[in-house]
N, C-alpha and C. Protein backbone atom coordinates (compact mmCIF):
# COMPACT_ATOMS: atom_id res chain seq x y z
N MET A 1 9.02 -2.33 11.86
CA MET A 1 7.52 -1.97 11.76
C MET A 1 6.31 -2.48 11.16
N ARG A 2 5.14 -2.29 12.05
CA ARG A 2 4.09 -2.53 11.83
C ARG A 2 3.34 -1.23 11.04
N VAL A 3 2.25 -1.41 10.14
CA VAL A 3 1.40 -0.57 9.25
C VAL A 3 0.62 -1.55 9.23
N THR A 4 -0.60 -0.08 9.01
CA THR A 4 -2.03 -0.66 8.91
C THR A 4 -2.33 -0.46 6.91
N VAL A 5 -2.84 -1.53 6.25
CA VAL A 5 -2.97 -1.52 5.31
C VAL A 5 -4.40 -1.73 4.82
N THR A 6 -4.87 -1.10 3.71
CA THR A 6 -6.32 -1.21 3.07
C THR A 6 -6.17 -1.39 1.43
N LEU A 7 -6.92 -2.37 1.16
CA LEU A 7 -6.89 -2.69 -0.12
C LEU A 7 -8.00 -2.21 -0.94
N LYS A 8 -8.43 -1.28 -1.62
CA LYS A 8 -9.40 -0.48 -1.73
C LYS A 8 -10.05 -1.22 -3.65
N GLY A 9 -11.14 -0.89 -3.64
CA GLY A 9 -11.62 -1.48 -5.55
C GLY A 9 -11.41 -3.18 -5.58
N ARG A 10 -10.88 -3.14 -6.44
CA ARG A 10 -10.40 -4.65 -7.17
C ARG A 10 -9.58 -5.37 -6.34
N LEU A 11 -8.40 -4.70 -6.04
CA LEU A 11 -7.25 -5.15 -5.03
C LEU A 11 -7.89 -5.81 -3.55
N GLY A 12 -8.81 -5.35 -3.39
CA GLY A 12 -9.37 -5.97 -1.94
C GLY A 12 -9.99 -6.70 -2.30
N GLU A 13 -11.19 -6.85 -3.56
CA GLU A 13 -11.64 -7.77 -3.64
C GLU A 13 -10.66 -9.31 -4.21
N GLU A 14 -9.64 -8.98 -4.64
CA GLU A 14 -8.93 -10.28 -5.15
C GLU A 14 -7.79 -10.63 -4.13
N ARG A 15 -7.33 -9.99 -3.35
CA ARG A 15 -6.46 -10.07 -1.98
C ARG A 15 -7.03 -9.47 -0.76
N PRO A 16 -8.21 -10.16 -0.66
CA PRO A 16 -8.71 -9.91 1.02
C PRO A 16 -7.96 -10.16 1.99
N GLU A 17 -7.41 -11.19 1.95
CA GLU A 17 -6.32 -11.47 3.20
C GLU A 17 -5.16 -10.22 3.49
N TYR A 18 -4.91 -9.36 2.82
CA TYR A 18 -4.02 -8.39 3.07
C TYR A 18 -4.50 -7.20 3.93
N ASP A 19 -5.69 -7.08 3.64
CA ASP A 19 -6.51 -6.21 5.22
C ASP A 19 -6.16 -6.30 6.08
N GLY A 20 -5.44 -5.43 6.36
CA GLY A 20 -5.15 -5.25 7.86
C GLY A 20 -3.54 -4.86 8.32
N ARG A 21 -3.34 -5.55 9.36
CA ARG A 21 -1.64 -4.81 10.10
C ARG A 21 -0.66 -5.87 9.07
N LEU A 22 -0.01 -5.11 8.87
CA LEU A 22 1.69 -5.85 7.96
C LEU A 22 2.75 -5.28 8.66
N ASP A 23 3.71 -6.02 8.88
CA ASP A 23 5.08 -6.16 9.34
C ASP A 23 5.98 -6.11 8.61
N LEU A 24 6.52 -5.24 8.16
CA LEU A 24 7.88 -4.57 7.36
C LEU A 24 9.14 -4.20 7.80
N ALA A 25 10.28 -4.30 7.07
CA ALA A 25 10.94 -4.06 7.74
C ALA A 25 11.72 -2.73 7.54
N ASP A 26 12.71 -2.59 8.91
CA ASP A 26 12.72 -0.96 9.18
C ASP A 26 13.14 -0.21 7.59
N GLY A 27 13.04 0.97 7.20
CA GLY A 27 13.55 1.67 6.19
C GLY A 27 12.59 1.35 4.74
N ALA A 28 11.47 0.52 5.05
CA ALA A 28 10.42 0.24 4.30
C ALA A 28 10.20 1.68 3.69
N VAL A 29 9.44 1.43 2.37
CA VAL A 29 9.11 2.61 1.36
C VAL A 29 7.86 2.35 0.97
N ALA A 30 6.97 2.68 0.45
CA ALA A 30 5.68 3.03 0.00
C ALA A 30 5.42 1.69 -1.03
N ALA A 31 6.71 1.51 -2.08
CA ALA A 31 6.15 0.42 -2.49
C ALA A 31 6.67 -1.08 -2.14
N ASP A 32 7.12 -0.99 -0.98
CA ASP A 32 7.23 -2.23 -0.21
C ASP A 32 5.87 -2.62 0.01
N VAL A 33 4.71 -1.58 0.46
CA VAL A 33 3.27 -2.18 1.23
C VAL A 33 2.91 -3.13 -0.03
N ALA A 34 2.83 -2.35 -1.47
CA ALA A 34 2.31 -3.45 -2.27
C ALA A 34 3.26 -4.48 -2.32
N THR A 35 4.34 -4.51 -2.76
CA THR A 35 5.03 -5.67 -3.01
C THR A 35 4.56 -6.80 -1.89
N ALA A 36 4.49 -6.38 -0.71
CA ALA A 36 4.60 -7.35 0.19
C ALA A 36 3.02 -7.96 0.27
N CYS A 37 1.94 -7.34 -0.20
CA CYS A 37 0.84 -7.74 -0.80
C CYS A 37 0.39 -8.45 -1.84
N GLY A 38 1.51 -8.96 -2.32
CA GLY A 38 1.90 -9.60 -4.30
C GLY A 38 1.11 -8.65 -5.12
N ILE A 39 1.40 -7.32 -4.84
CA ILE A 39 0.82 -6.61 -6.17
C ILE A 39 2.51 -5.36 -6.80
N ASP A 40 1.85 -5.44 -7.98
CA ASP A 40 2.99 -4.59 -8.67
C ASP A 40 2.76 -3.26 -8.20
N PRO A 41 4.04 -2.90 -7.48
CA PRO A 41 3.47 -0.96 -7.33
C PRO A 41 3.39 -0.26 -8.23
N ARG A 42 3.92 -0.63 -9.71
CA ARG A 42 3.55 0.39 -10.53
C ARG A 42 2.16 -0.18 -10.88
N ALA A 43 1.13 -0.87 -10.39
CA ALA A 43 -0.30 -0.90 -10.73
C ALA A 43 -0.92 -0.45 -9.59
N CYS A 44 -0.49 0.31 -8.63
CA CYS A 44 -1.52 1.30 -7.67
C CYS A 44 -1.15 2.32 -7.21
N VAL A 45 -1.89 2.98 -6.72
CA VAL A 45 -1.31 4.16 -5.93
C VAL A 45 -1.58 3.84 -4.37
N VAL A 46 -0.19 4.47 -4.09
CA VAL A 46 -0.12 4.20 -2.47
C VAL A 46 -0.51 5.68 -1.80
N VAL A 47 -1.41 5.54 -0.99
CA VAL A 47 -1.77 6.75 -0.08
C VAL A 47 -1.36 5.79 1.32
N VAL A 48 -0.86 7.28 2.20
CA VAL A 48 -0.05 7.26 3.50
C VAL A 48 -0.83 8.03 4.09
N ASN A 49 -1.64 7.81 5.35
CA ASN A 49 -2.17 8.91 6.43
C ASN A 49 -2.78 9.62 5.56
N GLY A 50 -3.35 9.36 4.60
CA GLY A 50 -4.46 10.26 3.48
C GLY A 50 -4.04 10.92 2.36
N ALA A 51 -2.47 11.10 2.02
CA ALA A 51 -1.94 11.43 0.91
C ALA A 51 -1.45 10.49 0.39
N ALA A 52 -1.88 10.59 -1.41
CA ALA A 52 -1.23 9.54 -2.12
C ALA A 52 0.49 10.10 -2.30
N VAL A 53 1.34 9.52 -2.20
CA VAL A 53 2.51 9.23 -2.43
C VAL A 53 3.30 8.75 -3.51
N PRO A 54 4.49 9.38 -3.57
CA PRO A 54 5.53 8.58 -4.70
C PRO A 54 5.87 7.06 -3.18
N ARG A 55 5.96 6.09 -4.90
CA ARG A 55 6.71 5.00 -4.26
C ARG A 55 7.89 4.89 -3.72
N SER A 56 8.74 6.10 -3.47
CA SER A 56 9.52 5.76 -2.74
C SER A 56 9.63 6.66 -1.47
N THR A 57 8.76 6.55 -0.72
CA THR A 57 8.33 7.72 0.30
C THR A 57 8.30 6.72 1.54
N ALA A 58 9.58 6.98 2.33
CA ALA A 58 9.93 6.32 3.78
C ALA A 58 8.38 6.45 4.36
N LEU A 59 8.28 5.10 5.21
CA LEU A 59 7.12 4.73 5.99
C LEU A 59 7.59 5.16 7.37
N ALA A 60 6.42 5.12 8.05
CA ALA A 60 7.25 5.22 9.86
C ALA A 60 6.16 3.98 10.48
N ASP A 61 6.47 3.83 11.36
CA ASP A 61 5.83 2.61 12.17
C ASP A 61 4.47 3.14 12.90
N GLY A 62 2.97 2.74 12.53
CA GLY A 62 2.14 3.31 12.87
C GLY A 62 1.54 3.89 11.06
N ASP A 63 1.77 4.17 10.16
CA ASP A 63 1.40 4.73 9.54
C ASP A 63 0.12 3.88 8.86
N ARG A 64 -0.73 4.44 8.14
CA ARG A 64 -1.88 4.09 7.90
C ARG A 64 -1.91 3.78 6.16
N THR A 65 -1.99 3.06 5.56
CA THR A 65 -1.90 3.22 4.28
C THR A 65 -2.63 2.30 3.55
N GLN A 66 -3.16 2.87 2.42
CA GLN A 66 -4.35 1.78 1.40
C GLN A 66 -3.77 2.78 0.02
N LEU A 67 -3.89 0.66 -0.52
CA LEU A 67 -3.95 0.58 -1.88
C LEU A 67 -4.68 0.71 -2.90
N TYR A 68 -4.58 1.70 -3.75
CA TYR A 68 -5.76 2.01 -4.80
C TYR A 68 -5.46 1.57 -6.30
N PRO A 69 -6.11 0.71 -6.69
CA PRO A 69 -5.65 0.00 -8.56
C PRO A 69 -5.03 1.73 -9.20
N ALA A 70 -4.29 1.35 -10.04
CA ALA A 70 -4.15 2.84 -11.00
C ALA A 70 -4.94 2.56 -11.97
N GLN A 71 -5.48 3.82 -12.67
CA GLN A 71 -6.66 3.79 -13.60
C GLN A 71 -5.84 4.88 -14.86
N ALA A 72 -6.23 4.37 -15.87
CA ALA A 72 -5.82 5.07 -17.00
C ALA A 72 -7.34 5.69 -17.64
N GLY A 73 -7.27 6.44 -18.68
CA GLY A 73 -8.71 6.96 -19.48
C GLY A 73 -7.96 8.32 -19.27
N GLY A 74 -9.23 8.94 -20.16
CA GLY A 74 -9.16 10.22 -20.31
C GLY A 74 -10.42 10.84 -20.86
């Protein structure tokens, strides 16, 4: 399957080569996008088609994904 990937914030600055289209195996989940981009899935928030989703969310061909760096604070 093919999804579109946009890396946000420092992720995009550190890995500009991953912005664009990404081919994944059928049955891929949101965490697989981060892994394919060389990012620890626990260190980012995955947004699929405009909504933040759990890392275990199944993807479909043509999904638009965005990875945001995880933030902590209060």
